Amino acid sequence: MATKGTNTGSNNSPKISSEIEKRLQALEAKAHTPCNGGGGDAKRIAELEAKVDELIRQINRKIPINI
């Protein structure tokens, strides 16, 4: 890694470019890895949705609003 005030010269450019290219390819490969929808637990999500629906019902009984 070059520091301020040092001359890296053209000799290091191909090496740095290939290192950057390898890192970029690794990041791109990781970015394109399937995530299966975020790995959420469908049962847990359904339970939470039911709780939210019940809370909305309770609120609507006390304060008639349309959510």
PDB file of N, CA and C in Angstrom:
ATOM      1  N   MET A   1       0.840  -1.172   0.000  1.00  0.00           N
ATOM      2  CA  MET A   1       0.000   0.000   0.000  1.00  0.00           C
ATOM      3  C   MET A   1       0.883   1.232   0.000  1.00  0.00           C
ATOM      4  N   ALA A   2       0.569   2.154  -0.889  1.00  0.00           N
ATOM      5  CA  ALA A   2       1.372   3.362  -1.007  1.00  0.00           C
ATOM      6  C   ALA A   2       0.998   4.350   0.090  1.00  0.00           C
ATOM      7  N   THR A   3       2.000   5.094   0.543  1.00  0.00           N
ATOM      8  CA  THR A   3       1.736   6.125   1.539  1.00  0.00           C
ATOM      9  C   THR A   3       1.940   7.480   0.890  1.00  0.00           C
ATOM     10  N   LYS A   4       1.428   8.499   1.506  1.00  0.00           N
ATOM     11  CA  LYS A   4       1.520   9.840   0.966  1.00  0.00           C
ATOM     12  C   LYS A   4       2.985  10.224   0.790  1.00  0.00           C
ATOM     13  N   GLY A   5       3.275  10.771  -0.394  1.00  0.00           N
ATOM     14  CA  GLY A   5       4.625  11.252  -0.648  1.00  0.00           C
ATOM     15  C   GLY A   5       5.549  10.205  -1.237  1.00  0.00           C
ATOM     16  N   THR A   6       5.087   8.969  -1.398  1.00  0.00           N
ATOM     17  CA  THR A   6       5.955   7.962  -2.001  1.00  0.00           C
ATOM     18  C   THR A   6       5.567   7.764  -3.444  1.00  0.00           C
ATOM     19  N   ASN A   7       6.522   7.404  -4.249  1.00  0.00           N
ATOM     20  CA  ASN A   7       6.291   7.167  -5.661  1.00  0.00           C
ATOM     21  C   ASN A   7       6.102   5.675  -5.861  1.00  0.00           C
ATOM     22  N   THR A   8       4.888   5.274  -6.243  1.00  0.00           N
ATOM     23  CA  THR A   8       4.633   3.852  -6.424  1.00  0.00           C
ATOM     24  C   THR A   8       5.182   3.360  -7.743  1.00  0.00           C
ATOM     25  N   GLY A   9       5.315   4.248  -8.706  1.00  0.00           N
ATOM     26  CA  GLY A   9       5.877   3.869  -9.995  1.00  0.00           C
ATOM     27  C   GLY A   9       4.933   2.990 -10.787  1.00  0.00           C
ATOM     28  N   SER A  10       5.257   2.762 -12.052  1.00  0.00           N
ATOM     29  CA  SER A  10       4.394   1.972 -12.914  1.00  0.00           C
ATOM     30  C   SER A  10       4.612   0.473 -12.710  1.00  0.00           C
ATOM     31  N   ASN A  11       5.672   0.084 -11.999  1.00  0.00           N
ATOM     32  CA  ASN A  11       5.947  -1.332 -11.782  1.00  0.00           C
ATOM     33  C   ASN A  11       4.867  -2.001 -10.928  1.00  0.00           C
ATOM     34  N   ASN A  12       4.271  -1.263 -10.000  1.00  0.00           N
ATOM     35  CA  ASN A  12       3.269  -1.825  -9.105  1.00  0.00           C
ATOM     36  C   ASN A  12       1.871  -1.857  -9.707  1.00  0.00           C
ATOM     37  N   SER A  13       1.625  -1.091 -10.745  1.00  0.00           N
ATOM     38  CA  SER A  13       0.286  -0.980 -11.309  1.00  0.00           C
ATOM     39  C   SER A  13      -0.314  -2.313 -11.733  1.00  0.00           C
ATOM     40  N   PRO A  14       0.382  -3.163 -12.479  1.00  0.00           N
ATOM     41  CA  PRO A  14      -0.234  -4.440 -12.863  1.00  0.00           C
ATOM     42  C   PRO A  14      -0.561  -5.317 -11.662  1.00  0.00           C
ATOM     43  N   LYS A  15       0.294  -5.334 -10.659  1.00  0.00           N
ATOM     44  CA  LYS A  15       0.045  -6.133  -9.469  1.00  0.00           C
ATOM     45  C   LYS A  15      -1.178  -5.621  -8.720  1.00  0.00           C
ATOM     46  N   ILE A  16      -1.252  -4.336  -8.536  1.00  0.00           N
ATOM     47  CA  ILE A  16      -2.385  -3.738  -7.837  1.00  0.00           C
ATOM     48  C   ILE A  16      -3.667  -3.983  -8.622  1.00  0.00           C
ATOM     49  N   SER A  17      -3.616  -3.825  -9.928  1.00  0.00           N
ATOM     50  CA  SER A  17      -4.801  -4.032 -10.749  1.00  0.00           C
ATOM     51  C   SER A  17      -5.294  -5.474 -10.639  1.00  0.00           C
ATOM     52  N   SER A  18      -4.395  -6.435 -10.659  1.00  0.00           N
ATOM     53  CA  SER A  18      -4.822  -7.835 -10.565  1.00  0.00           C
ATOM     54  C   SER A  18      -5.379  -8.135  -9.179  1.00  0.00           C
ATOM     55  N   GLU A  19      -4.800  -7.543  -8.143  1.00  0.00           N
ATOM     56  CA  GLU A  19      -5.328  -7.735  -6.792  1.00  0.00           C
ATOM     57  C   GLU A  19      -6.722  -7.128  -6.671  1.00  0.00           C
ATOM     58  N   ILE A  20      -6.895  -5.938  -7.229  1.00  0.00           N
ATOM     59  CA  ILE A  20      -8.207  -5.299  -7.195  1.00  0.00           C
ATOM     60  C   ILE A  20      -9.210  -6.127  -7.976  1.00  0.00           C
ATOM     61  N   GLU A  21      -8.811  -6.618  -9.124  1.00  0.00           N
ATOM     62  CA  GLU A  21      -9.701  -7.430  -9.951  1.00  0.00           C
ATOM     63  C   GLU A  21     -10.124  -8.701  -9.208  1.00  0.00           C
ATOM     64  N   LYS A  22      -9.199  -9.346  -8.524  1.00  0.00           N
ATOM     65  CA  LYS A  22      -9.535 -10.553  -7.757  1.00  0.00           C
ATOM     66  C   LYS A  22     -10.523 -10.236  -6.641  1.00  0.00           C
ATOM     67  N   ARG A  23     -10.283  -9.151  -5.930  1.00  0.00           N
ATOM     68  CA  ARG A  23     -11.186  -8.755  -4.845  1.00  0.00           C
ATOM     69  C   ARG A  23     -12.573  -8.407  -5.383  1.00  0.00           C
ATOM     70  N   LEU A  24     -12.592  -7.687  -6.498  1.00  0.00           N
ATOM     71  CA  LEU A  24     -13.858  -7.315  -7.113  1.00  0.00           C
ATOM     72  C   LEU A  24     -14.632  -8.557  -7.542  1.00  0.00           C
ATOM     73  N   GLN A  25     -13.967  -9.513  -8.154  1.00  0.00           N
ATOM     74  CA  GLN A  25     -14.628 -10.747  -8.572  1.00  0.00           C
ATOM     75  C   GLN A  25     -15.174 -11.514  -7.366  1.00  0.00           C
ATOM     76  N   ALA A  26     -14.432 -11.548  -6.281  1.00  0.00           N
ATOM     77  CA  ALA A  26     -14.895 -12.229  -5.071  1.00  0.00           C
ATOM     78  C   ALA A  26     -16.133 -11.541  -4.497  1.00  0.00           C
ATOM     79  N   LEU A  27     -16.125 -10.222  -4.472  1.00  0.00           N
ATOM     80  CA  LEU A  27     -17.286  -9.482  -3.970  1.00  0.00           C
ATOM     81  C   LEU A  27     -18.495  -9.678  -4.873  1.00  0.00           C
ATOM     82  N   GLU A  28     -18.280  -9.667  -6.185  1.00  0.00           N
ATOM     83  CA  GLU A  28     -19.382  -9.872  -7.116  1.00  0.00           C
ATOM     84  C   GLU A  28     -19.965 -11.273  -6.969  1.00  0.00           C
ATOM     85  N   ALA A  29     -19.114 -12.261  -6.786  1.00  0.00           N
ATOM     86  CA  ALA A  29     -19.597 -13.633  -6.611  1.00  0.00           C
ATOM     87  C   ALA A  29     -20.430 -13.741  -5.338  1.00  0.00           C
ATOM     88  N   LYS A  30     -19.987 -13.094  -4.283  1.00  0.00           N
ATOM     89  CA  LYS A  30     -20.729 -13.129  -3.019  1.00  0.00           C
ATOM     90  C   LYS A  30     -22.049 -12.376  -3.148  1.00  0.00           C
ATOM     91  N   ALA A  31     -22.038 -11.269  -3.871  1.00  0.00           N
ATOM     92  CA  ALA A  31     -23.244 -10.465  -4.037  1.00  0.00           C
ATOM     93  C   ALA A  31     -24.309 -11.204  -4.831  1.00  0.00           C
ATOM     94  N   HIS A  32     -23.908 -12.132  -5.676  1.00  0.00           N
ATOM     95  CA  HIS A  32     -24.853 -12.857  -6.514  1.00  0.00           C
ATOM     96  C   HIS A  32     -25.255 -14.203  -5.921  1.00  0.00           C
ATOM     97  N   THR A  33     -24.823 -14.477  -4.716  1.00  0.00           N
ATOM     98  CA  THR A  33     -25.203 -15.719  -4.053  1.00  0.00           C
ATOM     99  C   THR A  33     -26.669 -15.632  -3.654  1.00  0.00           C
ATOM    100  N   PRO A  34     -27.470 -16.636  -4.027  1.00  0.00           N
ATOM    101  CA  PRO A  34     -28.894 -16.589  -3.662  1.00  0.00           C
ATOM    102  C   PRO A  34     -29.079 -16.550  -2.149  1.00  0.00           C
ATOM    103  N   CYS A  35     -30.053 -15.773  -1.710  1.00  0.00           N
ATOM    104  CA  CYS A  35     -30.281 -15.643  -0.275  1.00  0.00           C
ATOM    105  C   CYS A  35     -31.568 -16.338   0.163  1.00  0.00           C
ATOM    106  N   ASN A  36     -32.260 -17.002  -0.744  1.00  0.00           N
ATOM    107  CA  ASN A  36     -33.487 -17.730  -0.419  1.00  0.00           C
ATOM    108  C   ASN A  36     -34.514 -16.853   0.277  1.00  0.00           C
ATOM    109  N   GLY A  37     -34.723 -15.668  -0.243  1.00  0.00           N
ATOM    110  CA  GLY A  37     -35.749 -14.785   0.306  1.00  0.00           C
ATOM    111  C   GLY A  37     -35.413 -14.205   1.658  1.00  0.00           C
ATOM    112  N   GLY A  38     -34.182 -14.159   2.022  1.00  0.00           N
ATOM    113  CA  GLY A  38     -33.785 -13.566   3.282  1.00  0.00           C
ATOM    114  C   GLY A  38     -33.783 -14.541   4.443  1.00  0.00           C
ATOM    115  N   GLY A  39     -34.165 -15.768   4.196  1.00  0.00           N
ATOM    116  CA  GLY A  39     -34.108 -16.782   5.236  1.00  0.00           C
ATOM    117  C   GLY A  39     -35.118 -16.596   6.348  1.00  0.00           C
ATOM    118  N   GLY A  40     -36.193 -15.858   6.082  1.00  0.00           N
ATOM    119  CA  GLY A  40     -37.208 -15.639   7.105  1.00  0.00           C
ATOM    120  C   GLY A  40     -37.958 -16.921   7.432  1.00  0.00           C
ATOM    121  N   ASP A  41     -38.386 -17.028   8.659  1.00  0.00           N
ATOM    122  CA  ASP A  41     -39.142 -18.176   9.129  1.00  0.00           C
ATOM    123  C   ASP A  41     -40.620 -17.895   8.866  1.00  0.00           C
ATOM    124  N   ALA A  42     -41.221 -18.615   7.910  1.00  0.00           N
ATOM    125  CA  ALA A  42     -42.599 -18.352   7.494  1.00  0.00           C
ATOM    126  C   ALA A  42     -43.571 -18.489   8.665  1.00  0.00           C
ATOM    127  N   LYS A  43     -43.352 -19.465   9.532  1.00  0.00           N
ATOM    128  CA  LYS A  43     -44.242 -19.659  10.674  1.00  0.00           C
ATOM    129  C   LYS A  43     -44.171 -18.452  11.616  1.00  0.00           C
ATOM    130  N   ARG A  44     -42.976 -17.995  11.891  1.00  0.00           N
ATOM    131  CA  ARG A  44     -42.784 -16.844  12.787  1.00  0.00           C
ATOM    132  C   ARG A  44     -43.403 -15.584  12.187  1.00  0.00           C
ATOM    133  N   ILE A  45     -43.240 -15.403  10.898  1.00  0.00           N
ATOM    134  CA  ILE A  45     -43.819 -14.233  10.232  1.00  0.00           C
ATOM    135  C   ILE A  45     -45.341 -14.279  10.318  1.00  0.00           C
ATOM    136  N   ALA A  46     -45.927 -15.451  10.095  1.00  0.00           N
ATOM    137  CA  ALA A  46     -47.383 -15.600  10.188  1.00  0.00           C
ATOM    138  C   ALA A  46     -47.869 -15.286  11.604  1.00  0.00           C
ATOM    139  N   GLU A  47     -47.140 -15.736  12.607  1.00  0.00           N
ATOM    140  CA  GLU A  47     -47.505 -15.447  14.000  1.00  0.00           C
ATOM    141  C   GLU A  47     -47.478 -13.947  14.273  1.00  0.00           C
ATOM    142  N   LEU A  48     -46.448 -13.278  13.794  1.00  0.00           N
ATOM    143  CA  LEU A  48     -46.334 -11.835  14.005  1.00  0.00           C
ATOM    144  C   LEU A  48     -47.443 -11.083  13.266  1.00  0.00           C
ATOM    145  N   GLU A  49     -47.764 -11.524  12.057  1.00  0.00           N
ATOM    146  CA  GLU A  49     -48.844 -10.883  11.313  1.00  0.00           C
ATOM    147  C   GLU A  49     -50.176 -11.044  12.050  1.00  0.00           C
ATOM    148  N   ALA A  50     -50.404 -12.213  12.631  1.00  0.00           N
ATOM    149  CA  ALA A  50     -51.644 -12.441  13.386  1.00  0.00           C
ATOM    150  C   ALA A  50     -51.709 -11.517  14.599  1.00  0.00           C
ATOM    151  N   LYS A  51     -50.586 -11.325  15.270  1.00  0.00           N
ATOM    152  CA  LYS A  51     -50.553 -10.422  16.423  1.00  0.00           C
ATOM    153  C   LYS A  51     -50.842  -8.983  16.002  1.00  0.00           C
ATOM    154  N   VAL A  52     -50.281  -8.560  14.907  1.00  0.00           N
ATOM    155  CA  VAL A  52     -50.524  -7.204  14.415  1.00  0.00           C
ATOM    156  C   VAL A  52     -51.995  -7.042  14.054  1.00  0.00           C
ATOM    157  N   ASP A  53     -52.558  -8.046  13.369  1.00  0.00           N
ATOM    158  CA  ASP A  53     -53.986  -7.986  13.021  1.00  0.00           C
ATOM    159  C   ASP A  53     -54.860  -7.882  14.270  1.00  0.00           C
ATOM    160  N   GLU A  54     -54.524  -8.638  15.306  1.00  0.00           N
ATOM    161  CA  GLU A  54     -55.297  -8.588  16.547  1.00  0.00           C
ATOM    162  C   GLU A  54     -55.169  -7.215  17.207  1.00  0.00           C
ATOM    163  N   LEU A  55     -53.989  -6.658  17.215  1.00  0.00           N
ATOM    164  CA  LEU A  55     -53.803  -5.313  17.774  1.00  0.00           C
ATOM    165  C   LEU A  55     -54.638  -4.280  17.013  1.00  0.00           C
ATOM    166  N   ILE A  56     -54.681  -4.400  15.696  1.00  0.00           N
ATOM    167  CA  ILE A  56     -55.484  -3.475  14.889  1.00  0.00           C
ATOM    168  C   ILE A  56     -56.961  -3.628  15.227  1.00  0.00           C
ATOM    169  N   ARG A  57     -57.425  -4.865  15.392  1.00  0.00           N
ATOM    170  CA  ARG A  57     -58.818  -5.092  15.773  1.00  0.00           C
ATOM    171  C   ARG A  57     -59.132  -4.445  17.124  1.00  0.00           C
ATOM    172  N   GLN A  58     -58.234  -4.618  18.086  1.00  0.00           N
ATOM    173  CA  GLN A  58     -58.443  -4.041  19.416  1.00  0.00           C
ATOM    174  C   GLN A  58     -58.462  -2.521  19.369  1.00  0.00           C
ATOM    175  N   ILE A  59     -57.569  -1.948  18.602  1.00  0.00           N
ATOM    176  CA  ILE A  59     -57.528  -0.488  18.479  1.00  0.00           C
ATOM    177  C   ILE A  59     -58.804   0.012  17.821  1.00  0.00           C
ATOM    178  N   ASN A  60     -59.260  -0.682  16.785  1.00  0.00           N
ATOM    179  CA  ASN A  60     -60.481  -0.257  16.084  1.00  0.00           C
ATOM    180  C   ASN A  60     -61.711  -0.330  16.979  1.00  0.00           C
ATOM    181  N   ARG A  61     -61.731  -1.223  17.951  1.00  0.00           N
ATOM    182  CA  ARG A  61     -62.849  -1.279  18.901  1.00  0.00           C
ATOM    183  C   ARG A  61     -62.879  -0.039  19.784  1.00  0.00           C
ATOM    184  N   LYS A  62     -61.685   0.415  20.184  1.00  0.00           N
ATOM    185  CA  LYS A  62     -61.595   1.581  21.067  1.00  0.00           C
ATOM    186  C   LYS A  62     -61.706   2.891  20.294  1.00  0.00           C
ATOM    187  N   ILE A  63     -60.993   2.949  19.163  1.00  0.00           N
ATOM    188  CA  ILE A  63     -60.958   4.162  18.331  1.00  0.00           C
ATOM    189  C   ILE A  63     -61.287   3.720  16.906  1.00  0.00           C
ATOM    190  N   PRO A  64     -62.475   3.951  16.456  1.00  0.00           N
ATOM    191  CA  PRO A  64     -62.841   3.502  15.108  1.00  0.00           C
ATOM    192  C   PRO A  64     -62.016   4.202  14.019  1.00  0.00           C
ATOM    193  N   ILE A  65     -61.015   3.509  13.529  1.00  0.00           N
ATOM    194  CA  ILE A  65     -60.209   3.994  12.407  1.00  0.00           C
ATOM    195  C   ILE A  65     -60.081   2.871  11.401  1.00  0.00           C
ATOM    196  N   ASN A  66     -59.761   3.207  10.206  1.00  0.00           N
ATOM    197  CA  ASN A  66     -59.644   2.189   9.169  1.00  0.00           C
ATOM    198  C   ASN A  66     -58.180   2.042   8.771  1.00  0.00           C
ATOM    199  N   ILE A  67     -57.545   0.984   9.253  1.00  0.00           N
ATOM    200  CA  ILE A  67     -56.138   0.728   8.934  1.00  0.00           C
ATOM    201  C   ILE A  67     -56.081  -0.471   8.002  1.00  0.00           C
TER     202      ILE A  67
END
